[in-house]
């Protein structure tokens, strides 16, 4: 429940705050009408271990002087749970084989960001959103090759994120984020942020911390 509250509260605050600042008289240059950015960075588990590559595209549109709605499509190279990583190690040791694998993540989320009122171009913000993530599991063994769907039947091990005998699933995803963004005079838009994501409806926790930087254009 604490995780759910952490995801719901920032989004609710963003929505409630938008009306209070809708009459803000600051120049529109502080908050562009819309932006499109390409994003690159790294994702980690909650101990900031098992770093992996992440890239994304994000579109945002102004709701008020201090609120931007956004839609984000992202790729995370490996979102495999700690339990499943341990399963691969344990199976390799018990069977004398060499198992390795990853859970590729493709996510689409929508949400809102509240930009702190300031006359400066660089504006800190926080926000959150919800969406879906598709996880595709790839497990290989040095001798047998791809064993993604047969790994459970070979070892009896699974993490409950992807059903036994399958190699993909789609789950709901929630996220909260904090960062700083700026719309520059030449229509360049830059965005640096920390993002926490949590996948729901899984037996084992699948969550991640992501640090990223984006650059794009304003409209």
Protein backbone atom coordinates (compact mmCIF):
# COMPACT_ATOMS: atom_id res chain seq x y z
CA UNK A 1 0.00 0.00 0.00
CA UNK A 2 2.87 2.39 0.71
CA UNK A 3 4.08 1.99 -2.88
CA UNK A 4 0.57 2.63 -4.23
CA UNK A 5 0.30 5.80 -2.15
CA UNK A 6 3.68 6.94 -3.45
CA UNK A 7 2.40 6.59 -6.99
CA UNK A 8 -1.06 8.13 -6.49
CA UNK A 9 -0.22 11.19 -4.37
CA UNK A 10 2.05 13.06 -6.85
CA UNK A 11 -0.42 12.55 -9.71
CA UNK A 12 -3.34 13.77 -7.62
CA UNK A 13 -1.34 16.79 -6.46
CA UNK A 14 -0.46 17.69 -10.04
CA UNK A 15 -4.12 17.68 -11.08
CA UNK A 16 -5.25 19.74 -8.08
CA UNK A 17 -2.42 22.22 -8.50
CA UNK A 18 -3.10 22.93 -12.16
CA UNK A 19 -6.20 25.06 -11.52
CA UNK A 20 -4.41 27.14 -8.88
CA UNK A 21 -1.74 28.20 -11.34
CA UNK A 22 -3.84 28.37 -14.50
CA UNK A 23 -3.89 32.18 -14.32
CA UNK A 24 -0.12 32.49 -14.02
CA UNK A 25 1.06 35.55 -15.94
CA UNK A 26 4.60 34.36 -16.71
CA UNK A 27 5.63 34.36 -20.39
CA UNK A 28 4.73 31.22 -22.32
CA UNK A 29 8.43 30.68 -23.09
CA UNK A 30 8.84 29.33 -19.55
CA UNK A 31 6.55 26.42 -20.43
CA UNK A 32 6.40 25.48 -24.13
CA UNK A 33 3.12 24.53 -25.75
CA UNK A 34 4.54 21.09 -26.53
CA UNK A 35 7.82 19.22 -26.77
CA UNK A 36 9.25 16.02 -28.24
CA UNK A 37 12.47 14.55 -26.83
CA UNK A 38 14.68 11.53 -27.28
CA UNK A 39 15.90 10.10 -23.97
CA UNK A 40 18.83 7.90 -23.02
CA UNK A 41 20.07 6.63 -19.69
CA UNK A 42 20.49 3.70 -17.36
CA UNK A 43 18.11 1.67 -15.18
CA UNK A 44 19.01 -0.19 -11.98
CA UNK A 45 17.38 -2.24 -9.27
CA UNK A 46 16.60 -0.51 -5.98
CA UNK A 47 20.14 -1.14 -4.71
CA UNK A 48 21.45 0.61 -7.84
CA UNK A 49 22.93 -2.65 -9.10
CA UNK A 50 22.47 -4.58 -12.37
CA UNK A 51 22.63 -1.48 -14.53
CA UNK A 52 21.08 -1.72 -17.98
CA UNK A 53 20.48 0.53 -20.97
CA UNK A 54 17.23 2.43 -21.42
CA UNK A 55 16.06 4.66 -24.27
CA UNK A 56 12.75 6.45 -24.79
CA UNK A 57 10.73 8.97 -26.76
CA UNK A 58 8.48 11.39 -24.90
CA UNK A 59 5.86 13.89 -26.05
CA UNK A 60 4.55 16.55 -23.69
CA UNK A 61 1.85 19.19 -23.97
CA UNK A 62 1.07 22.16 -21.73
CA UNK A 63 -2.04 21.97 -19.56
CA UNK A 64 -1.37 25.22 -17.68
CA UNK A 65 1.60 27.48 -16.96
CA UNK A 66 2.99 24.92 -14.51
CA UNK A 67 1.59 21.56 -15.65
CA UNK A 68 2.62 19.38 -18.59
CA UNK A 69 0.87 16.18 -19.63
CA UNK A 70 3.16 13.58 -21.17
CA UNK A 71 3.18 10.30 -23.06
CA UNK A 72 6.32 8.17 -22.90
CA UNK A 73 7.36 5.11 -24.88
CA UNK A 74 10.46 3.44 -23.45
CA UNK A 75 12.72 0.43 -23.89
CA UNK A 76 14.62 -1.12 -20.96
CA UNK A 77 17.13 -3.76 -21.95
CA UNK A 78 16.73 -5.99 -18.89
CA UNK A 79 14.01 -5.83 -16.19
CA UNK A 80 14.51 -9.35 -14.83
CA UNK A 81 13.60 -9.72 -11.14
CA UNK A 82 16.24 -10.53 -8.53
CA UNK A 83 14.52 -13.87 -7.88
CA UNK A 84 14.78 -14.90 -11.52
CA UNK A 85 18.43 -13.84 -11.70
CA UNK A 86 19.07 -16.08 -8.67
CA UNK A 87 17.11 -18.89 -10.34
CA UNK A 88 19.48 -18.81 -13.31
CA UNK A 89 22.52 -18.95 -11.02
CA UNK A 90 21.06 -21.78 -8.91
CA UNK A 91 20.01 -23.81 -11.95
CA UNK A 92 23.46 -23.43 -13.50
CA UNK A 93 25.08 -24.68 -10.31
CA UNK A 94 22.65 -27.57 -9.71
CA UNK A 95 22.60 -28.89 -13.29
CA UNK A 96 26.17 -28.09 -14.30
CA UNK A 97 24.91 -25.94 -17.18
CA UNK A 98 25.38 -22.28 -18.11
CA UNK A 99 22.05 -20.44 -18.07
CA UNK A 100 21.79 -16.72 -18.82
CA UNK A 101 18.86 -14.49 -19.61
CA UNK A 102 17.10 -11.15 -19.62
CA UNK A 103 13.59 -9.67 -19.54
CA UNK A 104 13.33 -7.00 -22.23
CA UNK A 105 10.84 -4.29 -21.29
CA UNK A 106 8.77 -2.14 -23.67
CA UNK A 107 6.61 0.35 -21.76
CA UNK A 108 4.03 3.00 -22.60
CA UNK A 109 2.98 5.43 -19.87
CA UNK A 110 0.92 8.62 -19.66
CA UNK A 111 0.90 11.12 -16.82
CA UNK A 112 1.53 14.69 -15.73
CA UNK A 113 4.40 16.80 -14.44
CA UNK A 114 4.09 19.79 -12.12
CA UNK A 115 6.84 22.37 -12.77
CA UNK A 116 7.72 24.45 -9.72
CA UNK A 117 6.82 28.13 -10.26
CA UNK A 118 9.94 30.08 -11.18
CA UNK A 119 10.97 32.73 -13.67
CA UNK A 120 14.10 30.76 -14.62
CA UNK A 121 14.36 28.65 -17.72
CA UNK A 122 15.53 25.60 -15.76
CA UNK A 123 12.46 24.42 -13.86
CA UNK A 124 12.44 21.55 -11.35
CA UNK A 125 9.40 19.28 -11.53
CA UNK A 126 7.80 16.17 -10.13
CA UNK A 127 4.95 13.98 -11.33
CA UNK A 128 3.82 10.50 -12.17
CA UNK A 129 1.80 8.31 -14.46
CA UNK A 130 0.46 4.88 -15.32
CA UNK A 131 0.59 2.57 -18.30
CA UNK A 132 1.55 -0.90 -19.49
CA UNK A 133 4.81 -2.78 -19.88
CA UNK A 134 5.44 -5.78 -22.10
CA UNK A 135 8.13 -8.11 -20.75
CA UNK A 136 9.74 -10.62 -23.09
CA UNK A 137 11.95 -13.25 -21.45
CA UNK A 138 14.98 -14.69 -23.21
CA UNK A 139 16.84 -17.54 -21.48
CA UNK A 140 19.64 -19.40 -23.18
CA UNK A 141 21.87 -22.32 -22.22
CA UNK A 142 25.31 -22.87 -23.67
CA UNK A 143 24.46 -26.32 -25.05
CA UNK A 144 20.71 -26.22 -25.70
CA UNK A 145 20.35 -22.65 -26.98
CA UNK A 146 17.03 -20.88 -26.40
CA UNK A 147 15.21 -22.44 -23.44
CA UNK A 148 12.93 -19.49 -22.61
CA UNK A 149 9.71 -21.54 -22.59
CA UNK A 150 11.19 -24.80 -21.32
CA UNK A 151 13.33 -23.46 -18.45
CA UNK A 152 10.62 -24.09 -15.84
CA UNK A 153 10.09 -27.69 -16.99
CA UNK A 154 13.86 -28.29 -16.91
CA UNK A 155 14.44 -26.79 -13.45
CA UNK A 156 11.10 -26.24 -11.67
CA UNK A 157 12.13 -22.60 -11.07
CA UNK A 158 10.15 -19.46 -11.89
CA UNK A 159 9.52 -16.02 -10.38
CA UNK A 160 5.81 -15.56 -11.10
CA UNK A 161 6.40 -12.52 -13.29
CA UNK A 162 5.97 -14.46 -16.54
CA UNK A 163 3.85 -17.61 -16.36
CA UNK A 164 5.65 -20.95 -16.49
CA UNK A 165 5.98 -22.24 -20.05
CA UNK A 166 5.61 -18.76 -21.58
CA UNK A 167 8.16 -16.15 -22.57
CA UNK A 168 6.16 -12.89 -22.52
CA UNK A 169 3.54 -11.00 -20.57
CA UNK A 170 1.95 -7.55 -20.37
CA UNK A 171 1.46 -5.95 -16.93
CA UNK A 172 0.30 -2.58 -15.53
CA UNK A 173 3.07 -0.14 -14.67
CA UNK A 174 3.12 2.88 -12.36
CA UNK A 175 5.83 5.53 -12.13
CA UNK A 176 6.86 8.62 -10.21
CA UNK A 177 9.54 11.03 -11.35
CA UNK A 178 11.49 14.14 -10.40
CA UNK A 179 13.70 16.20 -12.62
CA UNK A 180 14.58 19.53 -14.16
CA UNK A 181 13.68 20.75 -17.64
CA UNK A 182 14.38 23.83 -19.74
CA UNK A 183 13.04 25.33 -22.97
CA UNK A 184 15.89 27.27 -24.59
CA UNK A 185 15.64 30.21 -26.99
CA UNK A 186 16.53 28.14 -30.06
CA UNK A 187 13.53 25.80 -29.41
CA UNK A 188 15.78 23.18 -27.86
CA UNK A 189 14.23 21.31 -24.94
CA UNK A 190 16.37 19.47 -22.39
CA UNK A 191 15.23 17.24 -19.56
CA UNK A 192 17.19 15.40 -16.85
CA UNK A 193 15.25 13.16 -14.47
CA UNK A 194 15.07 10.31 -12.00
CA UNK A 195 12.22 7.85 -12.54
CA UNK A 196 10.98 5.11 -10.23
CA UNK A 197 8.83 2.43 -11.87
CA UNK A 198 6.85 -0.46 -10.38
CA UNK A 199 5.25 -3.36 -12.28
CA UNK A 200 2.01 -4.63 -10.73
CA UNK A 201 0.23 -8.01 -10.67
CA UNK A 202 3.42 -10.05 -10.25
CA UNK A 203 4.45 -12.53 -7.56
CA UNK A 204 7.97 -11.11 -7.28
CA UNK A 205 8.55 -7.37 -7.22
CA UNK A 206 9.68 -5.83 -10.46
CA UNK A 207 10.74 -2.26 -9.85
CA UNK A 208 13.54 -0.06 -11.11
CA UNK A 209 15.32 3.25 -10.69
CA UNK A 210 16.17 5.12 -13.86
CA UNK A 211 18.46 8.08 -14.42
CA UNK A 212 18.19 9.69 -17.85
CA UNK A 213 18.80 12.76 -19.99
CA UNK A 214 16.70 13.89 -22.91
CA UNK A 215 17.08 16.46 -25.66
CA UNK A 216 14.58 17.52 -28.29
CA UNK A 217 12.52 20.34 -29.70
CA UNK A 218 9.65 22.56 -28.56
CA UNK A 219 6.55 23.49 -30.57
